[in-house]
Each structure stands twice: as structure tokens, then as C-alpha cells.
Amino acid sequence: VAREYPRDYLETGISAIDTLTTLIRGQK
């Protein structure tokens, strides 16, 4: 219940990840 839904983007500098499988702060 205390978890907050991840929203913000975390940039890796890698096109395939940032554009197509974007990593969100707080994600697994």
C-alpha cells in the first residue's frame, strides 16, 4: 500500500532501451 507508482524516465544513453523499452525510475 505504501508503494508509489513509477513515473519518471531514467536515461541510459542507449537508443534501443531509451526509445523502445524505456526504463522508468523504480522499475524492475
mmCIF file of all heavy atoms, coordinates in Angstrom:
data_MODEL
# 
_entry.id   MODEL 
# 
loop_
_atom_site.group_PDB 
_atom_site.id 
_atom_site.type_symbol 
_atom_site.label_atom_id 
_atom_site.label_alt_id 
_atom_site.label_comp_id 
_atom_site.label_asym_id 
_atom_site.label_entity_id 
_atom_site.label_seq_id 
_atom_site.pdbx_PDB_ins_code 
_atom_site.Cartn_x 
_atom_site.Cartn_y 
_atom_site.Cartn_z 
_atom_site.occupancy 
_atom_site.B_iso_or_equiv 
_atom_site.pdbx_formal_charge 
_atom_site.auth_seq_id 
_atom_site.auth_comp_id 
_atom_site.auth_asym_id 
_atom_site.auth_atom_id 
_atom_site.pdbx_PDB_model_num 
ATOM 1   N N   . VAL A 1 1  ? 0.831  -1.202 0.000   1.00 0.00 ? 1  VAL A N   1 
ATOM 2   C CA  . VAL A 1 1  ? 0.000  0.000  0.000   1.00 0.00 ? 1  VAL A CA  1 
ATOM 3   C C   . VAL A 1 1  ? 0.869  1.256  0.000   1.00 0.00 ? 1  VAL A C   1 
ATOM 4   O O   . VAL A 1 1  ? 0.474  2.309  -0.498  1.00 0.00 ? 1  VAL A O   1 
ATOM 5   C CB  . VAL A 1 1  ? -0.944 -0.015 1.224   1.00 0.00 ? 1  VAL A CB  1 
ATOM 6   C CG1 . VAL A 1 1  ? -1.798 1.246  1.274   1.00 0.00 ? 1  VAL A CG1 1 
ATOM 7   C CG2 . VAL A 1 1  ? -1.838 -1.246 1.174   1.00 0.00 ? 1  VAL A CG2 1 
ATOM 8   N N   . ALA A 1 2  ? 2.087  1.137  0.553   1.00 0.00 ? 2  ALA A N   1 
ATOM 9   C CA  . ALA A 1 2  ? 2.978  2.293  0.642   1.00 0.00 ? 2  ALA A CA  1 
ATOM 10  C C   . ALA A 1 2  ? 3.768  2.517  -0.637  1.00 0.00 ? 2  ALA A C   1 
ATOM 11  O O   . ALA A 1 2  ? 4.459  3.524  -0.772  1.00 0.00 ? 2  ALA A O   1 
ATOM 12  C CB  . ALA A 1 2  ? 3.932  2.120  1.820   1.00 0.00 ? 2  ALA A CB  1 
ATOM 13  N N   . ARG A 1 3  ? 3.671  1.596  -1.589  1.00 0.00 ? 3  ARG A N   1 
ATOM 14  C CA  . ARG A 1 3  ? 4.422  1.755  -2.837  1.00 0.00 ? 3  ARG A CA  1 
ATOM 15  C C   . ARG A 1 3  ? 3.848  2.903  -3.677  1.00 0.00 ? 3  ARG A C   1 
ATOM 16  O O   . ARG A 1 3  ? 2.647  3.086  -3.742  1.00 0.00 ? 3  ARG A O   1 
ATOM 17  C CB  . ARG A 1 3  ? 4.371  0.463  -3.657  1.00 0.00 ? 3  ARG A CB  1 
ATOM 18  C CG  . ARG A 1 3  ? 5.296  -0.627 -3.149  1.00 0.00 ? 3  ARG A CG  1 
ATOM 19  C CD  . ARG A 1 3  ? 5.239  -1.837 -4.068  1.00 0.00 ? 3  ARG A CD  1 
ATOM 20  N NE  . ARG A 1 3  ? 6.138  -2.888 -3.657  1.00 0.00 ? 3  ARG A NE  1 
ATOM 21  C CZ  . ARG A 1 3  ? 7.395  -2.999 -4.056  1.00 0.00 ? 3  ARG A CZ  1 
ATOM 22  N NH1 . ARG A 1 3  ? 7.885  -2.101 -4.892  1.00 0.00 ? 3  ARG A NH1 1 
ATOM 23  N NH2 . ARG A 1 3  ? 8.159  -3.987 -3.650  1.00 0.00 ? 3  ARG A NH2 1 
ATOM 24  N N   . GLU A 1 4  ? 4.744  3.615  -4.312  1.00 0.00 ? 4  GLU A N   1 
ATOM 25  C CA  . GLU A 1 4  ? 4.338  4.688  -5.214  1.00 0.00 ? 4  GLU A CA  1 
ATOM 26  C C   . GLU A 1 4  ? 4.532  4.219  -6.652  1.00 0.00 ? 4  GLU A C   1 
ATOM 27  O O   . GLU A 1 4  ? 5.519  3.550  -6.963  1.00 0.00 ? 4  GLU A O   1 
ATOM 28  C CB  . GLU A 1 4  ? 5.173  5.942  -4.948  1.00 0.00 ? 4  GLU A CB  1 
ATOM 29  C CG  . GLU A 1 4  ? 4.671  7.175  -5.654  1.00 0.00 ? 4  GLU A CG  1 
ATOM 30  C CD  . GLU A 1 4  ? 5.403  8.420  -5.193  1.00 0.00 ? 4  GLU A CD  1 
ATOM 31  O OE1 . GLU A 1 4  ? 5.795  8.471  -4.011  1.00 0.00 ? 4  GLU A OE1 1 
ATOM 32  O OE2 . GLU A 1 4  ? 5.576  9.330  -6.017  1.00 0.00 ? 4  GLU A OE2 1 
ATOM 33  N N   . TYR A 1 5  ? 3.589  4.564  -7.533  1.00 0.00 ? 5  TYR A N   1 
ATOM 34  C CA  . TYR A 1 5  ? 3.665  4.087  -8.916  1.00 0.00 ? 5  TYR A CA  1 
ATOM 35  C C   . TYR A 1 5  ? 4.803  4.791  -9.649  1.00 0.00 ? 5  TYR A C   1 
ATOM 36  O O   . TYR A 1 5  ? 4.902  6.016  -9.635  1.00 0.00 ? 5  TYR A O   1 
ATOM 37  C CB  . TYR A 1 5  ? 2.342  4.351  -9.636  1.00 0.00 ? 5  TYR A CB  1 
ATOM 38  C CG  . TYR A 1 5  ? 2.245  3.677  -10.981 1.00 0.00 ? 5  TYR A CG  1 
ATOM 39  C CD1 . TYR A 1 5  ? 1.882  2.331  -11.072 1.00 0.00 ? 5  TYR A CD1 1 
ATOM 40  C CD2 . TYR A 1 5  ? 2.528  4.368  -12.154 1.00 0.00 ? 5  TYR A CD2 1 
ATOM 41  C CE1 . TYR A 1 5  ? 1.795  1.703  -12.307 1.00 0.00 ? 5  TYR A CE1 1 
ATOM 42  C CE2 . TYR A 1 5  ? 2.442  3.748  -13.394 1.00 0.00 ? 5  TYR A CE2 1 
ATOM 43  C CZ  . TYR A 1 5  ? 2.075  2.413  -13.457 1.00 0.00 ? 5  TYR A CZ  1 
ATOM 44  O OH  . TYR A 1 5  ? 2.004  1.784  -14.672 1.00 0.00 ? 5  TYR A OH  1 
ATOM 45  N N   . PRO A 1 6  ? 5.702  4.032  -10.306 1.00 0.00 ? 6  PRO A N   1 
ATOM 46  C CA  . PRO A 1 6  ? 6.829  4.649  -11.019 1.00 0.00 ? 6  PRO A CA  1 
ATOM 47  C C   . PRO A 1 6  ? 6.358  5.497  -12.192 1.00 0.00 ? 6  PRO A C   1 
ATOM 48  O O   . PRO A 1 6  ? 5.482  5.098  -12.948 1.00 0.00 ? 6  PRO A O   1 
ATOM 49  C CB  . PRO A 1 6  ? 7.629  3.431  -11.517 1.00 0.00 ? 6  PRO A CB  1 
ATOM 50  C CG  . PRO A 1 6  ? 7.204  2.292  -10.647 1.00 0.00 ? 6  PRO A CG  1 
ATOM 51  C CD  . PRO A 1 6  ? 5.768  2.562  -10.318 1.00 0.00 ? 6  PRO A CD  1 
ATOM 52  N N   . ARG A 1 7  ? 6.987  6.673  -12.352 1.00 0.00 ? 7  ARG A N   1 
ATOM 53  C CA  . ARG A 1 7  ? 6.593  7.582  -13.423 1.00 0.00 ? 7  ARG A CA  1 
ATOM 54  C C   . ARG A 1 7  ? 7.772  8.105  -14.238 1.00 0.00 ? 7  ARG A C   1 
ATOM 55  O O   . ARG A 1 7  ? 7.719  8.160  -15.447 1.00 0.00 ? 7  ARG A O   1 
ATOM 56  C CB  . ARG A 1 7  ? 5.853  8.788  -12.828 1.00 0.00 ? 7  ARG A CB  1 
ATOM 57  C CG  . ARG A 1 7  ? 4.459  8.463  -12.328 1.00 0.00 ? 7  ARG A CG  1 
ATOM 58  C CD  . ARG A 1 7  ? 3.474  8.341  -13.471 1.00 0.00 ? 7  ARG A CD  1 
ATOM 59  N NE  . ARG A 1 7  ? 2.124  8.059  -12.975 1.00 0.00 ? 7  ARG A NE  1 
ATOM 60  C CZ  . ARG A 1 7  ? 1.104  7.743  -13.750 1.00 0.00 ? 7  ARG A CZ  1 
ATOM 61  N NH1 . ARG A 1 7  ? 1.269  7.664  -15.059 1.00 0.00 ? 7  ARG A NH1 1 
ATOM 62  N NH2 . ARG A 1 7  ? -0.087 7.500  -13.240 1.00 0.00 ? 7  ARG A NH2 1 
ATOM 63  N N   . ASP A 1 8  ? 8.810  8.555  -13.575 1.00 0.00 ? 8  ASP A N   1 
ATOM 64  C CA  . ASP A 1 8  ? 9.850  9.333  -14.246 1.00 0.00 ? 8  ASP A CA  1 
ATOM 65  C C   . ASP A 1 8  ? 10.821 8.450  -15.017 1.00 0.00 ? 8  ASP A C   1 
ATOM 66  O O   . ASP A 1 8  ? 11.156 7.338  -14.612 1.00 0.00 ? 8  ASP A O   1 
ATOM 67  C CB  . ASP A 1 8  ? 10.602 10.192 -13.221 1.00 0.00 ? 8  ASP A CB  1 
ATOM 68  C CG  . ASP A 1 8  ? 9.706  11.234 -12.600 1.00 0.00 ? 8  ASP A CG  1 
ATOM 69  O OD1 . ASP A 1 8  ? 8.961  11.867 -13.354 1.00 0.00 ? 8  ASP A OD1 1 
ATOM 70  O OD2 . ASP A 1 8  ? 9.733  11.395 -11.366 1.00 0.00 ? 8  ASP A OD2 1 
ATOM 71  N N   . TYR A 1 9  ? 11.315 9.014  -16.090 1.00 0.00 ? 9  TYR A N   1 
ATOM 72  C CA  . TYR A 1 9  ? 12.191 8.319  -17.035 1.00 0.00 ? 9  TYR A CA  1 
ATOM 73  C C   . TYR A 1 9  ? 13.644 8.352  -16.567 1.00 0.00 ? 9  TYR A C   1 
ATOM 74  O O   . TYR A 1 9  ? 14.120 9.352  -16.030 1.00 0.00 ? 9  TYR A O   1 
ATOM 75  C CB  . TYR A 1 9  ? 12.004 9.012  -18.389 1.00 0.00 ? 9  TYR A CB  1 
ATOM 76  C CG  . TYR A 1 9  ? 13.118 8.889  -19.381 1.00 0.00 ? 9  TYR A CG  1 
ATOM 77  C CD1 . TYR A 1 9  ? 13.409 7.672  -19.981 1.00 0.00 ? 9  TYR A CD1 1 
ATOM 78  C CD2 . TYR A 1 9  ? 13.845 10.003 -19.771 1.00 0.00 ? 9  TYR A CD2 1 
ATOM 79  C CE1 . TYR A 1 9  ? 14.411 7.580  -20.932 1.00 0.00 ? 9  TYR A CE1 1 
ATOM 80  C CE2 . TYR A 1 9  ? 14.834 9.920  -20.725 1.00 0.00 ? 9  TYR A CE2 1 
ATOM 81  C CZ  . TYR A 1 9  ? 15.129 8.708  -21.297 1.00 0.00 ? 9  TYR A CZ  1 
ATOM 82  O OH  . TYR A 1 9  ? 16.112 8.604  -22.233 1.00 0.00 ? 9  TYR A OH  1 
ATOM 83  N N   . LEU A 1 10 ? 14.347 7.218  -16.746 1.00 0.00 ? 10 LEU A N   1 
ATOM 84  C CA  . LEU A 1 10 ? 15.761 7.138  -16.404 1.00 0.00 ? 10 LEU A CA  1 
ATOM 85  C C   . LEU A 1 10 ? 16.539 6.869  -17.689 1.00 0.00 ? 10 LEU A C   1 
ATOM 86  O O   . LEU A 1 10 ? 16.302 5.866  -18.359 1.00 0.00 ? 10 LEU A O   1 
ATOM 87  C CB  . LEU A 1 10 ? 15.992 6.020  -15.370 1.00 0.00 ? 10 LEU A CB  1 
ATOM 88  C CG  . LEU A 1 10 ? 17.299 6.050  -14.582 1.00 0.00 ? 10 LEU A CG  1 
ATOM 89  C CD1 . LEU A 1 10 ? 17.110 5.323  -13.242 1.00 0.00 ? 10 LEU A CD1 1 
ATOM 90  C CD2 . LEU A 1 10 ? 18.437 5.395  -15.340 1.00 0.00 ? 10 LEU A CD2 1 
ATOM 91  N N   . GLU A 1 11 ? 17.443 7.765  -18.040 1.00 0.00 ? 11 GLU A N   1 
ATOM 92  C CA  . GLU A 1 11 ? 18.132 7.680  -19.329 1.00 0.00 ? 11 GLU A CA  1 
ATOM 93  C C   . GLU A 1 11 ? 19.400 6.841  -19.230 1.00 0.00 ? 11 GLU A C   1 
ATOM 94  O O   . GLU A 1 11 ? 20.250 7.077  -18.363 1.00 0.00 ? 11 GLU A O   1 
ATOM 95  C CB  . GLU A 1 11 ? 18.484 9.090  -19.809 1.00 0.00 ? 11 GLU A CB  1 
ATOM 96  C CG  . GLU A 1 11 ? 19.044 9.138  -21.233 1.00 0.00 ? 11 GLU A CG  1 
ATOM 97  C CD  . GLU A 1 11 ? 19.126 10.556 -21.756 1.00 0.00 ? 11 GLU A CD  1 
ATOM 98  O OE1 . GLU A 1 11 ? 18.139 11.030 -22.353 1.00 0.00 ? 11 GLU A OE1 1 
ATOM 99  O OE2 . GLU A 1 11 ? 20.167 11.211 -21.542 1.00 0.00 ? 11 GLU A OE2 1 
ATOM 100 N N   . THR A 1 12 ? 19.533 5.859  -20.133 1.00 0.00 ? 12 THR A N   1 
ATOM 101 C CA  . THR A 1 12 ? 20.733 5.015  -20.169 1.00 0.00 ? 12 THR A CA  1 
ATOM 102 C C   . THR A 1 12 ? 21.692 5.427  -21.280 1.00 0.00 ? 12 THR A C   1 
ATOM 103 O O   . THR A 1 12 ? 22.835 4.956  -21.301 1.00 0.00 ? 12 THR A O   1 
ATOM 104 C CB  . THR A 1 12 ? 20.364 3.538  -20.387 1.00 0.00 ? 12 THR A CB  1 
ATOM 105 O OG1 . THR A 1 12 ? 19.789 3.376  -21.696 1.00 0.00 ? 12 THR A OG1 1 
ATOM 106 C CG2 . THR A 1 12 ? 19.363 3.065  -19.344 1.00 0.00 ? 12 THR A CG2 1 
ATOM 107 N N   . GLY A 1 13 ? 21.252 6.266  -22.207 1.00 0.00 ? 13 GLY A N   1 
ATOM 108 C CA  . GLY A 1 13 ? 22.087 6.668  -23.334 1.00 0.00 ? 13 GLY A CA  1 
ATOM 109 C C   . GLY A 1 13 ? 22.139 5.637  -24.441 1.00 0.00 ? 13 GLY A C   1 
ATOM 110 O O   . GLY A 1 13 ? 22.906 5.781  -25.399 1.00 0.00 ? 13 GLY A O   1 
ATOM 111 N N   . ILE A 1 14 ? 21.313 4.585  -24.337 1.00 0.00 ? 14 ILE A N   1 
ATOM 112 C CA  . ILE A 1 14 ? 21.281 3.507  -25.326 1.00 0.00 ? 14 ILE A CA  1 
ATOM 113 C C   . ILE A 1 14 ? 19.950 3.578  -26.067 1.00 0.00 ? 14 ILE A C   1 
ATOM 114 O O   . ILE A 1 14 ? 18.880 3.449  -25.463 1.00 0.00 ? 14 ILE A O   1 
ATOM 115 C CB  . ILE A 1 14 ? 21.471 2.139  -24.647 1.00 0.00 ? 14 ILE A CB  1 
ATOM 116 C CG1 . ILE A 1 14 ? 22.833 2.086  -23.958 1.00 0.00 ? 14 ILE A CG1 1 
ATOM 117 C CG2 . ILE A 1 14 ? 21.336 0.998  -25.656 1.00 0.00 ? 14 ILE A CG2 1 
ATOM 118 C CD1 . ILE A 1 14 ? 23.020 0.925  -23.018 1.00 0.00 ? 14 ILE A CD1 1 
ATOM 119 N N   . SER A 1 15 ? 20.003 3.774  -27.391 1.00 0.00 ? 15 SER A N   1 
ATOM 120 C CA  . SER A 1 15 ? 18.786 4.027  -28.170 1.00 0.00 ? 15 SER A CA  1 
ATOM 121 C C   . SER A 1 15 ? 17.760 2.916  -28.041 1.00 0.00 ? 15 SER A C   1 
ATOM 122 O O   . SER A 1 15 ? 16.561 3.178  -27.878 1.00 0.00 ? 15 SER A O   1 
ATOM 123 C CB  . SER A 1 15 ? 19.149 4.222  -29.647 1.00 0.00 ? 15 SER A CB  1 
ATOM 124 O OG  . SER A 1 15 ? 19.909 5.385  -29.835 1.00 0.00 ? 15 SER A OG  1 
ATOM 125 N N   . ALA A 1 16 ? 18.197 1.646  -28.141 1.00 0.00 ? 16 ALA A N   1 
ATOM 126 C CA  . ALA A 1 16 ? 17.264 0.527  -28.113 1.00 0.00 ? 16 ALA A CA  1 
ATOM 127 C C   . ALA A 1 16 ? 16.494 0.471  -26.803 1.00 0.00 ? 16 ALA A C   1 
ATOM 128 O O   . ALA A 1 16 ? 15.311 0.087  -26.774 1.00 0.00 ? 16 ALA A O   1 
ATOM 129 C CB  . ALA A 1 16 ? 18.018 -0.792 -28.341 1.00 0.00 ? 16 ALA A CB  1 
ATOM 130 N N   . ILE A 1 17 ? 17.147 0.868  -25.713 1.00 0.00 ? 17 ILE A N   1 
ATOM 131 C CA  . ILE A 1 17 ? 16.485 0.835  -24.401 1.00 0.00 ? 17 ILE A CA  1 
ATOM 132 C C   . ILE A 1 17 ? 15.654 2.099  -24.195 1.00 0.00 ? 17 ILE A C   1 
ATOM 133 O O   . ILE A 1 17 ? 14.460 2.031  -23.885 1.00 0.00 ? 17 ILE A O   1 
ATOM 134 C CB  . ILE A 1 17 ? 17.522 0.667  -23.271 1.00 0.00 ? 17 ILE A CB  1 
ATOM 135 C CG1 . ILE A 1 17 ? 18.235 -0.685 -23.400 1.00 0.00 ? 17 ILE A CG1 1 
ATOM 136 C CG2 . ILE A 1 17 ? 16.847 0.779  -21.905 1.00 0.00 ? 17 ILE A CG2 1 
ATOM 137 C CD1 . ILE A 1 17 ? 19.336 -0.899 -22.378 1.00 0.00 ? 17 ILE A CD1 1 
ATOM 138 N N   . ASP A 1 18 ? 16.264 3.247  -24.368 1.00 0.00 ? 18 ASP A N   1 
ATOM 139 C CA  . ASP A 1 18 ? 15.568 4.506  -24.065 1.00 0.00 ? 18 ASP A CA  1 
ATOM 140 C C   . ASP A 1 18 ? 14.345 4.730  -24.944 1.00 0.00 ? 18 ASP A C   1 
ATOM 141 O O   . ASP A 1 18 ? 13.326 5.250  -24.495 1.00 0.00 ? 18 ASP A O   1 
ATOM 142 C CB  . ASP A 1 18 ? 16.526 5.691  -24.229 1.00 0.00 ? 18 ASP A CB  1 
ATOM 143 C CG  . ASP A 1 18 ? 17.615 5.691  -23.174 1.00 0.00 ? 18 ASP A CG  1 
ATOM 144 O OD1 . ASP A 1 18 ? 17.475 4.966  -22.178 1.00 0.00 ? 18 ASP A OD1 1 
ATOM 145 O OD2 . ASP A 1 18 ? 18.608 6.429  -23.348 1.00 0.00 ? 18 ASP A OD2 1 
ATOM 146 N N   . THR A 1 19 ? 14.415 4.335  -26.212 1.00 0.00 ? 19 THR A N   1 
ATOM 147 C CA  . THR A 1 19 ? 13.324 4.608  -27.143 1.00 0.00 ? 19 THR A CA  1 
ATOM 148 C C   . THR A 1 19 ? 12.266 3.511  -27.138 1.00 0.00 ? 19 THR A C   1 
ATOM 149 O O   . THR A 1 19 ? 11.066 3.799  -27.168 1.00 0.00 ? 19 THR A O   1 
ATOM 150 C CB  . THR A 1 19 ? 13.869 4.761  -28.576 1.00 0.00 ? 19 THR A CB  1 
ATOM 151 O OG1 . THR A 1 19 ? 14.948 5.685  -28.567 1.00 0.00 ? 19 THR A OG1 1 
ATOM 152 C CG2 . THR A 1 19 ? 12.796 5.258  -29.524 1.00 0.00 ? 19 THR A CG2 1 
ATOM 153 N N   . LEU A 1 20 ? 12.690 2.248  -27.090 1.00 0.00 ? 20 LEU A N   1 
ATOM 154 C CA  . LEU A 1 20 ? 11.768 1.139  -27.330 1.00 0.00 ? 20 LEU A CA  1 
ATOM 155 C C   . LEU A 1 20 ? 11.399 0.337  -26.085 1.00 0.00 ? 20 LEU A C   1 
ATOM 156 O O   . LEU A 1 20 ? 10.328 -0.272 -26.042 1.00 0.00 ? 20 LEU A O   1 
ATOM 157 C CB  . LEU A 1 20 ? 12.375 0.203  -28.385 1.00 0.00 ? 20 LEU A CB  1 
ATOM 158 C CG  . LEU A 1 20 ? 12.662 0.875  -29.735 1.00 0.00 ? 20 LEU A CG  1 
ATOM 159 C CD1 . LEU A 1 20 ? 13.434 -0.058 -30.642 1.00 0.00 ? 20 LEU A CD1 1 
ATOM 160 C CD2 . LEU A 1 20 ? 11.368 1.318  -30.397 1.00 0.00 ? 20 LEU A CD2 1 
ATOM 161 N N   . THR A 1 21 ? 12.265 0.295  -25.083 1.00 0.00 ? 21 THR A N   1 
ATOM 162 C CA  . THR A 1 21 ? 11.950 -0.400 -23.826 1.00 0.00 ? 21 THR A CA  1 
ATOM 163 C C   . THR A 1 21 ? 12.343 0.513  -22.675 1.00 0.00 ? 21 THR A C   1 
ATOM 164 O O   . THR A 1 21 ? 13.191 0.178  -21.861 1.00 0.00 ? 21 THR A O   1 
ATOM 165 C CB  . THR A 1 21 ? 12.687 -1.749 -23.728 1.00 0.00 ? 21 THR A CB  1 
ATOM 166 O OG1 . THR A 1 21 ? 14.102 -1.526 -23.880 1.00 0.00 ? 21 THR A OG1 1 
ATOM 167 C CG2 . THR A 1 21 ? 12.218 -2.720 -24.776 1.00 0.00 ? 21 THR A CG2 1 
ATOM 168 N N   . THR A 1 22 ? 11.722 1.657  -22.630 1.00 0.00 ? 22 THR A N   1 
ATOM 169 C CA  . THR A 1 22 ? 12.131 2.734  -21.734 1.00 0.00 ? 22 THR A CA  1 
ATOM 170 C C   . THR A 1 22 ? 12.147 2.289  -20.272 1.00 0.00 ? 22 THR A C   1 
ATOM 171 O O   . THR A 1 22 ? 11.198 1.678  -19.782 1.00 0.00 ? 22 THR A O   1 
ATOM 172 C CB  . THR A 1 22 ? 11.191 3.935  -21.895 1.00 0.00 ? 22 THR A CB  1 
ATOM 173 O OG1 . THR A 1 22 ? 11.074 4.246  -23.288 1.00 0.00 ? 22 THR A OG1 1 
ATOM 174 C CG2 . THR A 1 22 ? 11.722 5.141  -21.160 1.00 0.00 ? 22 THR A CG2 1 
ATOM 175 N N   . LEU A 1 23 ? 13.250 2.625  -19.602 1.00 0.00 ? 23 LEU A N   1 
ATOM 176 C CA  . LEU A 1 23 ? 13.412 2.307  -18.184 1.00 0.00 ? 23 LEU A CA  1 
ATOM 177 C C   . LEU A 1 23 ? 12.815 3.433  -17.340 1.00 0.00 ? 23 LEU A C   1 
ATOM 178 O O   . LEU A 1 23 ? 13.181 4.600  -17.496 1.00 0.00 ? 23 LEU A O   1 
ATOM 179 C CB  . LEU A 1 23 ? 14.901 2.126  -17.874 1.00 0.00 ? 23 LEU A CB  1 
ATOM 180 C CG  . LEU A 1 23 ? 15.283 1.797  -16.433 1.00 0.00 ? 23 LEU A CG  1 
ATOM 181 C CD1 . LEU A 1 23 ? 14.709 0.445  -16.021 1.00 0.00 ? 23 LEU A CD1 1 
ATOM 182 C CD2 . LEU A 1 23 ? 16.799 1.789  -16.271 1.00 0.00 ? 23 LEU A CD2 1 
ATOM 183 N N   . ILE A 1 24 ? 11.897 3.069  -16.456 1.00 0.00 ? 24 ILE A N   1 
ATOM 184 C CA  . ILE A 1 24 ? 11.223 4.041  -15.587 1.00 0.00 ? 24 ILE A CA  1 
ATOM 185 C C   . ILE A 1 24 ? 11.798 3.927  -14.183 1.00 0.00 ? 24 ILE A C   1 
ATOM 186 O O   . ILE A 1 24 ? 12.054 2.832  -13.687 1.00 0.00 ? 24 ILE A O   1 
ATOM 187 C CB  . ILE A 1 24 ? 9.705  3.789  -15.567 1.00 0.00 ? 24 ILE A CB  1 
ATOM 188 C CG1 . ILE A 1 24 ? 9.147  3.787  -17.006 1.00 0.00 ? 24 ILE A CG1 1 
ATOM 189 C CG2 . ILE A 1 24 ? 9.000  4.854  -14.736 1.00 0.00 ? 24 ILE A CG2 1 
ATOM 190 C CD1 . ILE A 1 24 ? 9.379  5.066  -17.781 1.00 0.00 ? 24 ILE A CD1 1 
ATOM 191 N N   . ARG A 1 25 ? 12.013 5.051  -13.546 1.00 0.00 ? 25 ARG A N   1 
ATOM 192 C CA  . ARG A 1 25 ? 12.580 5.071  -12.199 1.00 0.00 ? 25 ARG A CA  1 
ATOM 193 C C   . ARG A 1 25 ? 11.692 4.291  -11.217 1.00 0.00 ? 25 ARG A C   1 
ATOM 194 O O   . ARG A 1 25 ? 10.497 4.573  -11.094 1.00 0.00 ? 25 ARG A O   1 
ATOM 195 C CB  . ARG A 1 25 ? 12.724 6.521  -11.732 1.00 0.00 ? 25 ARG A CB  1 
ATOM 196 C CG  . ARG A 1 25 ? 13.677 6.724  -10.567 1.00 0.00 ? 25 ARG A CG  1 
ATOM 197 C CD  . ARG A 1 25 ? 13.635 8.145  -10.079 1.00 0.00 ? 25 ARG A CD  1 
ATOM 198 N NE  . ARG A 1 25 ? 13.795 9.123  -11.143 1.00 0.00 ? 25 ARG A NE  1 
ATOM 199 C CZ  . ARG A 1 25 ? 13.586 10.423 -10.974 1.00 0.00 ? 25 ARG A CZ  1 
ATOM 200 N NH1 . ARG A 1 25 ? 13.169 10.887 -9.804  1.00 0.00 ? 25 ARG A NH1 1 
ATOM 201 N NH2 . ARG A 1 25 ? 13.741 11.261 -11.984 1.00 0.00 ? 25 ARG A NH2 1 
ATOM 202 N N   . GLY A 1 26 ? 12.258 3.285  -10.564 1.00 0.00 ? 26 GLY A N   1 
ATOM 203 C CA  . GLY A 1 26 ? 11.501 2.433  -9.646  1.00 0.00 ? 26 GLY A CA  1 
ATOM 204 C C   . GLY A 1 26 ? 11.055 1.124  -10.278 1.00 0.00 ? 26 GLY A C   1 
ATOM 205 O O   . GLY A 1 26 ? 10.405 0.306  -9.632  1.00 0.00 ? 26 GLY A O   1 
ATOM 206 N N   . GLN A 1 27 ? 11.428 0.894  -11.549 1.00 0.00 ? 27 GLN A N   1 
ATOM 207 C CA  . GLN A 1 27 ? 11.002 -0.299 -12.286 1.00 0.00 ? 27 GLN A CA  1 
ATOM 208 C C   . GLN A 1 27 ? 11.980 -1.457 -12.093 1.00 0.00 ? 27 GLN A C   1 
ATOM 209 O O   . GLN A 1 27 ? 13.144 -1.266 -11.763 1.00 0.00 ? 27 GLN A O   1 
ATOM 210 C CB  . GLN A 1 27 ? 10.895 0.044  -13.778 1.00 0.00 ? 27 GLN A CB  1 
ATOM 211 C CG  . GLN A 1 27 ? 10.366 -1.076 -14.665 1.00 0.00 ? 27 GLN A CG  1 
ATOM 212 C CD  . GLN A 1 27 ? 10.246 -0.647 -16.121 1.00 0.00 ? 27 GLN A CD  1 
ATOM 213 O OE1 . GLN A 1 27 ? 10.711 0.411  -16.503 1.00 0.00 ? 27 GLN A OE1 1 
ATOM 214 N NE2 . GLN A 1 27 ? 9.637  -1.478 -16.940 1.00 0.00 ? 27 GLN A NE2 1 
ATOM 215 N N   . LYS A 1 28 ? 11.496 -2.668 -12.341 1.00 0.00 ? 28 LYS A N   1 
ATOM 216 C CA  . LYS A 1 28 ? 12.317 -3.874 -12.402 1.00 0.00 ? 28 LYS A CA  1 
ATOM 217 C C   . LYS A 1 28 ? 12.336 -4.316 -13.867 1.00 0.00 ? 28 LYS A C   1 
ATOM 218 O O   . LYS A 1 28 ? 11.322 -4.786 -14.378 1.00 0.00 ? 28 LYS A O   1 
ATOM 219 C CB  . LYS A 1 28 ? 11.731 -4.983 -11.526 1.00 0.00 ? 28 LYS A CB  1 
ATOM 220 C CG  . LYS A 1 28 ? 11.434 -4.555 -10.095 1.00 0.00 ? 28 LYS A CG  1 
ATOM 221 C CD  . LYS A 1 28 ? 10.797 -5.679 -9.285  1.00 0.00 ? 28 LYS A CD  1 
ATOM 222 C CE  . LYS A 1 28 ? 9.332  -5.916 -9.667  1.00 0.00 ? 28 LYS A CE  1 
ATOM 223 N NZ  . LYS A 1 28 ? 8.444  -4.868 -9.185  1.00 0.00 ? 28 LYS A NZ  1 
# 
